[in-house]
């Protein structure tokens, strides 16, 4: 058996997307790679799964150190399928992306790219999501390669705390100004539904940054040419409210 690390890759843009092909080429330099990705776009799938469907998987490519599968499920389905069906051993790292479109601020909650690594994190596998703030389906990923390789290498060597993953976003630039470890910025999507006919609507809208001057946020980093590296935890408990809520709700 290979002594190289085993790296699982998925995404939500589909197995044929440029971003996952570029990410696969990079990760093959760090270890043996298994790609399990949707057979087409599954953007905004979040952590959705397919409990009422049969998951069909197809091996597309196999060579030394690399296998590429596609399936008809969601990104989360892909990771579940890999961990509980296709792999004979636990991967050392799960990476998702490179997504065409950022997953900063509140977009993290909708993201199938992040959904894939959330599943890995729940299964105690170190995981990283990579996304690029772009509207193009054909991109130059070379400006981001160094950060991607450094981040993946760091996690392979040092791991991550239990229940923590990394969400990495890049601005579309010819040269990064650097990287910033930062928090999720406060924001919201506005004017999200456009009427296109009688009783017919399309999802649209624009993002509103609610704290544009806050220099410790992911969106500030992106807006100023930096890669944004955000540690994200599974536990969504609002600990600051626990004590007060107990008092208010149990009073009397």
C-alpha atoms as a PDB file:
ATOM      1  CA  UNK A   1       0.000   0.000   0.000  1.00  0.00           C
ATOM      2  CA  UNK A   2       1.132   3.552  -0.712  1.00  0.00           C
ATOM      3  CA  UNK A   3       2.661   5.413   2.220  1.00  0.00           C
ATOM      4  CA  UNK A   4       1.587   8.740   0.757  1.00  0.00           C
ATOM      5  CA  UNK A   5      -1.300  10.608   2.433  1.00  0.00           C
ATOM      6  CA  UNK A   6      -4.763   9.851   1.073  1.00  0.00           C
ATOM      7  CA  UNK A   7      -6.695  12.948  -0.008  1.00  0.00           C
ATOM      8  CA  UNK A   8     -10.417  12.949  -0.859  1.00  0.00           C
ATOM      9  CA  UNK A   9     -11.704  15.707  -3.155  1.00  0.00           C
ATOM     10  CA  UNK A  10     -15.263  16.818  -3.906  1.00  0.00           C
ATOM     11  CA  UNK A  11     -17.078  19.971  -5.017  1.00  0.00           C
ATOM     12  CA  UNK A  12     -20.479  21.385  -5.924  1.00  0.00           C
ATOM     13  CA  UNK A  13     -19.697  22.570  -9.476  1.00  0.00           C
ATOM     14  CA  UNK A  14     -19.516  19.038 -10.842  1.00  0.00           C
ATOM     15  CA  UNK A  15     -16.734  16.625 -11.678  1.00  0.00           C
ATOM     16  CA  UNK A  16     -15.962  18.331 -15.004  1.00  0.00           C
ATOM     17  CA  UNK A  17     -15.497  21.827 -13.549  1.00  0.00           C
ATOM     18  CA  UNK A  18     -12.157  23.525 -14.059  1.00  0.00           C
ATOM     19  CA  UNK A  19     -11.750  24.250 -10.349  1.00  0.00           C
ATOM     20  CA  UNK A  20     -11.820  20.610  -9.262  1.00  0.00           C
ATOM     21  CA  UNK A  21      -9.457  19.608 -12.071  1.00  0.00           C
ATOM     22  CA  UNK A  22      -6.942  22.232 -10.959  1.00  0.00           C
ATOM     23  CA  UNK A  23      -7.324  21.234  -7.297  1.00  0.00           C
ATOM     24  CA  UNK A  24      -6.837  17.577  -8.183  1.00  0.00           C
ATOM     25  CA  UNK A  25      -3.592  18.333 -10.006  1.00  0.00           C
ATOM     26  CA  UNK A  26      -2.308  20.213  -6.967  1.00  0.00           C
ATOM     27  CA  UNK A  27      -3.286  17.549  -4.439  1.00  0.00           C
ATOM     28  CA  UNK A  28      -1.663  14.792  -6.526  1.00  0.00           C
ATOM     29  CA  UNK A  29       1.645  16.430  -5.606  1.00  0.00           C
ATOM     30  CA  UNK A  30       0.882  15.871  -1.915  1.00  0.00           C
ATOM     31  CA  UNK A  31      -0.601  12.387  -1.840  1.00  0.00           C
ATOM     32  CA  UNK A  32      -2.809   9.748  -3.422  1.00  0.00           C
ATOM     33  CA  UNK A  33      -6.094  11.271  -4.523  1.00  0.00           C
ATOM     34  CA  UNK A  34      -9.673  10.019  -4.718  1.00  0.00           C
ATOM     35  CA  UNK A  35     -12.151  12.356  -6.393  1.00  0.00           C
ATOM     36  CA  UNK A  36     -15.851  11.761  -5.711  1.00  0.00           C
ATOM     37  CA  UNK A  37     -17.911  14.609  -7.141  1.00  0.00           C
ATOM     38  CA  UNK A  38     -21.408  15.241  -8.491  1.00  0.00           C
ATOM     39  CA  UNK A  39     -22.066  14.478 -12.151  1.00  0.00           C
ATOM     40  CA  UNK A  40     -23.210  18.068 -12.683  1.00  0.00           C
ATOM     41  CA  UNK A  41     -23.606  21.389 -10.850  1.00  0.00           C
ATOM     42  CA  UNK A  42     -25.060  21.242  -7.340  1.00  0.00           C
ATOM     43  CA  UNK A  43     -24.457  24.849  -6.302  1.00  0.00           C
ATOM     44  CA  UNK A  44     -26.097  26.007  -3.056  1.00  0.00           C
ATOM     45  CA  UNK A  45     -26.734  22.404  -2.018  1.00  0.00           C
ATOM     46  CA  UNK A  46     -25.435  23.181   1.490  1.00  0.00           C
ATOM     47  CA  UNK A  47     -25.448  19.943   3.546  1.00  0.00           C
ATOM     48  CA  UNK A  48     -28.376  18.420   1.671  1.00  0.00           C
ATOM     49  CA  UNK A  49     -28.514  14.651   1.198  1.00  0.00           C
ATOM     50  CA  UNK A  50     -30.618  12.288  -0.929  1.00  0.00           C
ATOM     51  CA  UNK A  51     -32.407   9.880   1.424  1.00  0.00           C
ATOM     52  CA  UNK A  52     -35.188   9.154  -1.095  1.00  0.00           C
ATOM     53  CA  UNK A  53     -32.913   8.448  -4.066  1.00  0.00           C
ATOM     54  CA  UNK A  54     -30.558   5.661  -5.081  1.00  0.00           C
ATOM     55  CA  UNK A  55     -27.003   6.951  -5.415  1.00  0.00           C
ATOM     56  CA  UNK A  56     -25.433   5.820  -8.671  1.00  0.00           C
ATOM     57  CA  UNK A  57     -21.634   6.025  -8.883  1.00  0.00           C
ATOM     58  CA  UNK A  58     -19.365   5.674 -11.923  1.00  0.00           C
ATOM     59  CA  UNK A  59     -15.585   5.339 -12.093  1.00  0.00           C
ATOM     60  CA  UNK A  60     -14.392   7.803 -14.746  1.00  0.00           C
ATOM     61  CA  UNK A  61     -10.616   7.479 -14.487  1.00  0.00           C
ATOM     62  CA  UNK A  62      -8.050   5.335 -12.718  1.00  0.00           C
ATOM     63  CA  UNK A  63      -4.286   5.585 -12.739  1.00  0.00           C
ATOM     64  CA  UNK A  64      -1.526   5.183 -10.186  1.00  0.00           C
ATOM     65  CA  UNK A  65      -2.302   7.412  -7.223  1.00  0.00           C
ATOM     66  CA  UNK A  66      -5.572   8.754  -8.660  1.00  0.00           C
ATOM     67  CA  UNK A  67      -9.196   7.622  -8.992  1.00  0.00           C
ATOM     68  CA  UNK A  68     -12.016   9.859 -10.213  1.00  0.00           C
ATOM     69  CA  UNK A  69     -15.670   8.999  -9.585  1.00  0.00           C
ATOM     70  CA  UNK A  70     -18.887  10.823 -10.340  1.00  0.00           C
ATOM     71  CA  UNK A  71     -22.283  10.234  -8.763  1.00  0.00           C
ATOM     72  CA  UNK A  72     -25.797  11.585  -9.047  1.00  0.00           C
ATOM     73  CA  UNK A  73     -25.899  12.874  -5.481  1.00  0.00           C
ATOM     74  CA  UNK A  74     -25.076  16.069  -3.642  1.00  0.00           C
ATOM     75  CA  UNK A  75     -21.600  17.068  -2.400  1.00  0.00           C
ATOM     76  CA  UNK A  76     -22.482  15.682   1.032  1.00  0.00           C
ATOM     77  CA  UNK A  77     -23.678  12.448  -0.574  1.00  0.00           C
ATOM     78  CA  UNK A  78     -20.311  12.246  -2.334  1.00  0.00           C
ATOM     79  CA  UNK A  79     -18.359  12.452   0.912  1.00  0.00           C
ATOM     80  CA  UNK A  80     -20.642   9.950   2.651  1.00  0.00           C
ATOM     81  CA  UNK A  81     -20.284   7.603  -0.324  1.00  0.00           C
ATOM     82  CA  UNK A  82     -16.520   7.891  -0.288  1.00  0.00           C
ATOM     83  CA  UNK A  83     -16.080   7.420   3.454  1.00  0.00           C
ATOM     84  CA  UNK A  84     -18.619   4.632   3.891  1.00  0.00           C
ATOM     85  CA  UNK A  85     -18.548   2.908   0.506  1.00  0.00           C
ATOM     86  CA  UNK A  86     -15.600   3.500  -1.783  1.00  0.00           C
ATOM     87  CA  UNK A  87     -12.592   3.905   0.506  1.00  0.00           C
ATOM     88  CA  UNK A  88     -10.916   1.097   2.396  1.00  0.00           C
ATOM     89  CA  UNK A  89      -9.185   3.466   4.799  1.00  0.00           C
ATOM     90  CA  UNK A  90      -9.862   6.865   6.323  1.00  0.00           C
ATOM     91  CA  UNK A  91      -8.420   9.768   4.291  1.00  0.00           C
ATOM     92  CA  UNK A  92      -5.859  12.071   5.845  1.00  0.00           C
ATOM     93  CA  UNK A  93      -7.538  15.131   4.363  1.00  0.00           C
ATOM     94  CA  UNK A  94     -10.731  16.153   2.562  1.00  0.00           C
ATOM     95  CA  UNK A  95     -10.680  19.201   0.288  1.00  0.00           C
ATOM     96  CA  UNK A  96     -13.553  20.740  -1.646  1.00  0.00           C
ATOM     97  CA  UNK A  97     -13.514  23.141  -4.593  1.00  0.00           C
ATOM     98  CA  UNK A  98     -12.038  25.137  -6.061  1.00  0.00           C
ATOM     99  CA  UNK A  99     -15.491  26.689  -6.218  1.00  0.00           C
ATOM    100  CA  UNK A 100     -16.339  29.187  -8.945  1.00  0.00           C
ATOM    101  CA  UNK A 101     -17.844  31.829  -6.656  1.00  0.00           C
ATOM    102  CA  UNK A 102     -16.945  32.856  -3.118  1.00  0.00           C
ATOM    103  CA  UNK A 103     -18.353  31.273   0.029  1.00  0.00           C
ATOM    104  CA  UNK A 104     -17.586  34.080   2.454  1.00  0.00           C
ATOM    105  CA  UNK A 105     -19.898  35.660   5.035  1.00  0.00           C
ATOM    106  CA  UNK A 106     -23.432  34.195   5.107  1.00  0.00           C
ATOM    107  CA  UNK A 107     -22.897  32.386   1.797  1.00  0.00           C
ATOM    108  CA  UNK A 108     -21.141  29.704   3.815  1.00  0.00           C
ATOM    109  CA  UNK A 109     -24.571  28.494   4.966  1.00  0.00           C
ATOM    110  CA  UNK A 110     -25.785  27.853   1.408  1.00  0.00           C
ATOM    111  CA  UNK A 111     -22.580  26.389   0.018  1.00  0.00           C
ATOM    112  CA  UNK A 112     -22.360  22.812  -1.228  1.00  0.00           C
ATOM    113  CA  UNK A 113     -18.587  23.300  -1.326  1.00  0.00           C
ATOM    114  CA  UNK A 114     -18.595  23.901   2.413  1.00  0.00           C
ATOM    115  CA  UNK A 115     -21.275  21.247   2.930  1.00  0.00           C
ATOM    116  CA  UNK A 116     -18.853  18.597   1.690  1.00  0.00           C
ATOM    117  CA  UNK A 117     -16.183  19.537   4.232  1.00  0.00           C
ATOM    118  CA  UNK A 118     -18.712  19.901   7.031  1.00  0.00           C
ATOM    119  CA  UNK A 119     -19.575  16.241   6.451  1.00  0.00           C
ATOM    120  CA  UNK A 120     -15.900  15.306   6.596  1.00  0.00           C
ATOM    121  CA  UNK A 121     -15.468  17.323   9.777  1.00  0.00           C
ATOM    122  CA  UNK A 122     -18.414  15.494  11.361  1.00  0.00           C
ATOM    123  CA  UNK A 123     -16.610  12.252  10.499  1.00  0.00           C
ATOM    124  CA  UNK A 124     -13.435  13.509  12.244  1.00  0.00           C
ATOM    125  CA  UNK A 125     -11.430  14.042   9.055  1.00  0.00           C
ATOM    126  CA  UNK A 126      -9.470  17.317   8.655  1.00  0.00           C
ATOM    127  CA  UNK A 127     -11.107  19.331   5.881  1.00  0.00           C
ATOM    128  CA  UNK A 128     -10.667  22.507   3.816  1.00  0.00           C
ATOM    129  CA  UNK A 129     -13.014  24.315   1.419  1.00  0.00           C
ATOM    130  CA  UNK A 130     -11.468  26.456  -1.342  1.00  0.00           C
ATOM    131  CA  UNK A 131     -13.487  29.068  -3.265  1.00  0.00           C
ATOM    132  CA  UNK A 132     -12.733  31.882  -5.714  1.00  0.00           C
ATOM    133  CA  UNK A 133     -14.754  35.102  -5.885  1.00  0.00           C
ATOM    134  CA  UNK A 134     -15.532  34.979  -9.597  1.00  0.00           C
ATOM    135  CA  UNK A 135     -18.449  34.688 -11.990  1.00  0.00           C
ATOM    136  CA  UNK A 136     -16.346  32.996 -14.667  1.00  0.00           C
ATOM    137  CA  UNK A 137     -16.240  29.274 -15.363  1.00  0.00           C
ATOM    138  CA  UNK A 138     -12.735  29.557 -16.867  1.00  0.00           C
ATOM    139  CA  UNK A 139     -10.214  31.066 -14.467  1.00  0.00           C
ATOM    140  CA  UNK A 140      -6.495  31.411 -13.904  1.00  0.00           C
ATOM    141  CA  UNK A 141      -5.900  29.603 -10.621  1.00  0.00           C
ATOM    142  CA  UNK A 142      -2.138  30.117 -10.600  1.00  0.00           C
ATOM    143  CA  UNK A 143      -2.230  33.130  -8.238  1.00  0.00           C
ATOM    144  CA  UNK A 144      -3.807  30.929  -5.536  1.00  0.00           C
ATOM    145  CA  UNK A 145      -1.726  27.782  -5.917  1.00  0.00           C
ATOM    146  CA  UNK A 146       0.869  28.681  -3.283  1.00  0.00           C
ATOM    147  CA  UNK A 147      -1.743  29.363  -0.595  1.00  0.00           C
ATOM    148  CA  UNK A 148      -3.666  26.204  -1.483  1.00  0.00           C
ATOM    149  CA  UNK A 149      -0.550  24.057  -1.296  1.00  0.00           C
ATOM    150  CA  UNK A 150       0.664  25.680   1.920  1.00  0.00           C
ATOM    151  CA  UNK A 151      -2.728  25.331   3.608  1.00  0.00           C
ATOM    152  CA  UNK A 152      -3.189  21.701   2.584  1.00  0.00           C
ATOM    153  CA  UNK A 153       0.393  20.848   3.575  1.00  0.00           C
ATOM    154  CA  UNK A 154      -0.061  22.498   6.964  1.00  0.00           C
ATOM    155  CA  UNK A 155      -3.259  20.560   7.694  1.00  0.00           C
ATOM    156  CA  UNK A 156      -1.712  17.278   6.522  1.00  0.00           C
ATOM    157  CA  UNK A 157       1.202  17.819   8.896  1.00  0.00           C
ATOM    158  CA  UNK A 158      -0.529  19.358  11.909  1.00  0.00           C
ATOM    159  CA  UNK A 159      -4.184  18.407  11.529  1.00  0.00           C
ATOM    160  CA  UNK A 160      -7.009  20.582  12.858  1.00  0.00           C
ATOM    161  CA  UNK A 161      -8.809  20.691  16.202  1.00  0.00           C
ATOM    162  CA  UNK A 162     -11.772  18.342  16.445  1.00  0.00           C
ATOM    163  CA  UNK A 163     -14.963  19.833  14.941  1.00  0.00           C
ATOM    164  CA  UNK A 164     -13.047  22.617  13.154  1.00  0.00           C
ATOM    165  CA  UNK A 165     -12.567  23.042   9.399  1.00  0.00           C
ATOM    166  CA  UNK A 166     -11.014  25.764   7.238  1.00  0.00           C
ATOM    167  CA  UNK A 167     -12.990  27.873   4.769  1.00  0.00           C
ATOM    168  CA  UNK A 168     -10.566  29.556   2.333  1.00  0.00           C
ATOM    169  CA  UNK A 169     -11.729  32.221  -0.119  1.00  0.00           C
ATOM    170  CA  UNK A 170      -9.735  34.025  -2.806  1.00  0.00           C
ATOM    171  CA  UNK A 171     -10.299  37.336  -4.597  1.00  0.00           C
ATOM    172  CA  UNK A 172     -10.001  37.246  -8.378  1.00  0.00           C
ATOM    173  CA  UNK A 173      -6.630  38.978  -8.782  1.00  0.00           C
ATOM    174  CA  UNK A 174      -3.463  38.539 -10.811  1.00  0.00           C
ATOM    175  CA  UNK A 175      -1.402  38.533  -7.609  1.00  0.00           C
ATOM    176  CA  UNK A 176      -2.483  38.097  -3.994  1.00  0.00           C
ATOM    177  CA  UNK A 177      -1.381  40.684  -1.454  1.00  0.00           C
ATOM    178  CA  UNK A 178      -1.076  37.840   1.056  1.00  0.00           C
ATOM    179  CA  UNK A 179      -3.329  35.829   3.367  1.00  0.00           C
ATOM    180  CA  UNK A 180      -5.358  36.790   6.416  1.00  0.00           C
ATOM    181  CA  UNK A 181      -6.813  34.500   9.067  1.00  0.00           C
ATOM    182  CA  UNK A 182     -10.145  36.126   9.753  1.00  0.00           C
ATOM    183  CA  UNK A 183     -13.683  35.715  10.989  1.00  0.00           C
ATOM    184  CA  UNK A 184     -16.924  35.414   9.054  1.00  0.00           C
ATOM    185  CA  UNK A 185     -18.198  38.886   8.204  1.00  0.00           C
ATOM    186  CA  UNK A 186     -21.768  39.982   8.842  1.00  0.00           C
ATOM    187  CA  UNK A 187     -23.775  40.382   5.671  1.00  0.00           C
ATOM    188  CA  UNK A 188     -26.994  39.474   3.924  1.00  0.00           C
ATOM    189  CA  UNK A 189     -28.408  38.831   0.475  1.00  0.00           C
ATOM    190  CA  UNK A 190     -30.915  41.446  -0.748  1.00  0.00           C
ATOM    191  CA  UNK A 191     -33.697  41.552  -3.385  1.00  0.00           C
ATOM    192  CA  UNK A 192     -33.397  37.797  -3.890  1.00  0.00           C
ATOM    193  CA  UNK A 193     -36.477  37.049  -5.986  1.00  0.00           C
ATOM    194  CA  UNK A 194     -37.145  38.395  -9.481  1.00  0.00           C
ATOM    195  CA  UNK A 195     -40.525  37.861 -11.099  1.00  0.00           C
ATOM    196  CA  UNK A 196     -40.139  36.501 -14.623  1.00  0.00           C
ATOM    197  CA  UNK A 197     -43.756  35.620 -15.394  1.00  0.00           C
ATOM    198  CA  UNK A 198     -47.164  34.961 -13.920  1.00  0.00           C
ATOM    199  CA  UNK A 199     -46.444  33.182 -10.638  1.00  0.00           C
ATOM    200  CA  UNK A 200     -42.824  32.583 -11.755  1.00  0.00           C
ATOM    201  CA  UNK A 201     -39.701  33.807 -10.007  1.00  0.00           C
ATOM    202  CA  UNK A 202     -35.947  33.412 -10.331  1.00  0.00           C
ATOM    203  CA  UNK A 203     -33.380  33.590  -7.545  1.00  0.00           C
ATOM    204  CA  UNK A 204     -31.201  36.675  -7.952  1.00  0.00           C
ATOM    205  CA  UNK A 205     -30.093  39.526  -5.684  1.00  0.00           C
ATOM    206  CA  UNK A 206     -26.939  41.146  -4.408  1.00  0.00           C
ATOM    207  CA  UNK A 207     -24.786  40.828  -1.312  1.00  0.00           C
ATOM    208  CA  UNK A 208     -24.757  43.607   1.276  1.00  0.00           C
ATOM    209  CA  UNK A 209     -21.714  43.784   3.540  1.00  0.00           C
ATOM    210  CA  UNK A 210     -22.968  45.001   6.932  1.00  0.00           C
ATOM    211  CA  UNK A 211     -19.518  45.853   8.267  1.00  0.00           C
ATOM    212  CA  UNK A 212     -17.366  46.949   5.318  1.00  0.00           C
ATOM    213  CA  UNK A 213     -14.794  48.711   7.522  1.00  0.00           C
ATOM    214  CA  UNK A 214     -14.168  45.732   9.819  1.00  0.00           C
ATOM    215  CA  UNK A 215     -10.641  44.648   8.882  1.00  0.00           C
ATOM    216  CA  UNK A 216     -10.847  41.277  10.662  1.00  0.00           C
ATOM    217  CA  UNK A 217     -13.521  39.812   8.344  1.00  0.00           C
ATOM    218  CA  UNK A 218     -13.363  37.515   5.333  1.00  0.00           C
ATOM    219  CA  UNK A 219     -15.053  40.027   3.025  1.00  0.00           C
ATOM    220  CA  UNK A 220     -12.643  42.817   3.973  1.00  0.00           C
ATOM    221  CA  UNK A 221      -9.764  40.494   3.073  1.00  0.00           C
ATOM    222  CA  UNK A 222     -11.324  39.646  -0.300  1.00  0.00           C
ATOM    223  CA  UNK A 223     -12.132  43.278  -1.080  1.00  0.00           C
ATOM    224  CA  UNK A 224      -8.513  44.236  -0.395  1.00  0.00           C
ATOM    225  CA  UNK A 225      -6.797  41.504  -2.392  1.00  0.00           C
ATOM    226  CA  UNK A 226      -6.026  38.972   0.359  1.00  0.00           C
ATOM    227  CA  UNK A 227      -6.864  35.294   0.669  1.00  0.00           C
ATOM    228  CA  UNK A 228      -9.305  34.846   3.562  1.00  0.00           C
ATOM    229  CA  UNK A 229      -8.678  31.811   5.768  1.00  0.00           C
ATOM    230  CA  UNK A 230     -11.488  31.263   8.265  1.00  0.00           C
ATOM    231  CA  UNK A 231     -11.614  28.506  10.893  1.00  0.00           C
ATOM    232  CA  UNK A 232     -15.207  27.263  11.182  1.00  0.00           C
ATOM    233  CA  UNK A 233     -16.622  25.095  13.962  1.00  0.00           C
ATOM    234  CA  UNK A 234     -19.506  22.641  13.949  1.00  0.00           C
ATOM    235  CA  UNK A 235     -20.909  23.722  17.303  1.00  0.00           C
ATOM    236  CA  UNK A 236     -23.403  26.536  16.590  1.00  0.00           C
ATOM    237  CA  UNK A 237     -24.460  26.976  20.226  1.00  0.00           C
ATOM    238  CA  UNK A 238     -24.780  30.635  21.261  1.00  0.00           C
ATOM    239  CA  UNK A 239     -22.889  30.193  24.526  1.00  0.00           C
ATOM    240  CA  UNK A 240     -23.201  33.860  25.529  1.00  0.00           C
ATOM    241  CA  UNK A 241     -26.977  33.413  25.674  1.00  0.00           C
ATOM    242  CA  UNK A 242     -27.093  30.148  27.609  1.00  0.00           C
ATOM    243  CA  UNK A 243     -27.108  31.577  31.101  1.00  0.00           C
ATOM    244  CA  UNK A 244     -29.520  34.444  30.453  1.00  0.00           C
ATOM    245  CA  UNK A 245     -31.925  32.274  28.468  1.00  0.00           C
ATOM    246  CA  UNK A 246     -32.010  29.662  31.233  1.00  0.00           C
ATOM    247  CA  UNK A 247     -32.890  32.340  33.746  1.00  0.00           C
ATOM    248  CA  UNK A 248     -35.600  33.908  31.565  1.00  0.00           C
ATOM    249  CA  UNK A 249     -37.242  30.693  30.414  1.00  0.00           C
ATOM    250  CA  UNK A 250     -37.084  28.860  33.726  1.00  0.00           C
ATOM    251  CA  UNK A 251     -38.025  31.841  35.855  1.00  0.00           C
ATOM    252  CA  UNK A 252     -40.816  31.035  38.217  1.00  0.00           C
END
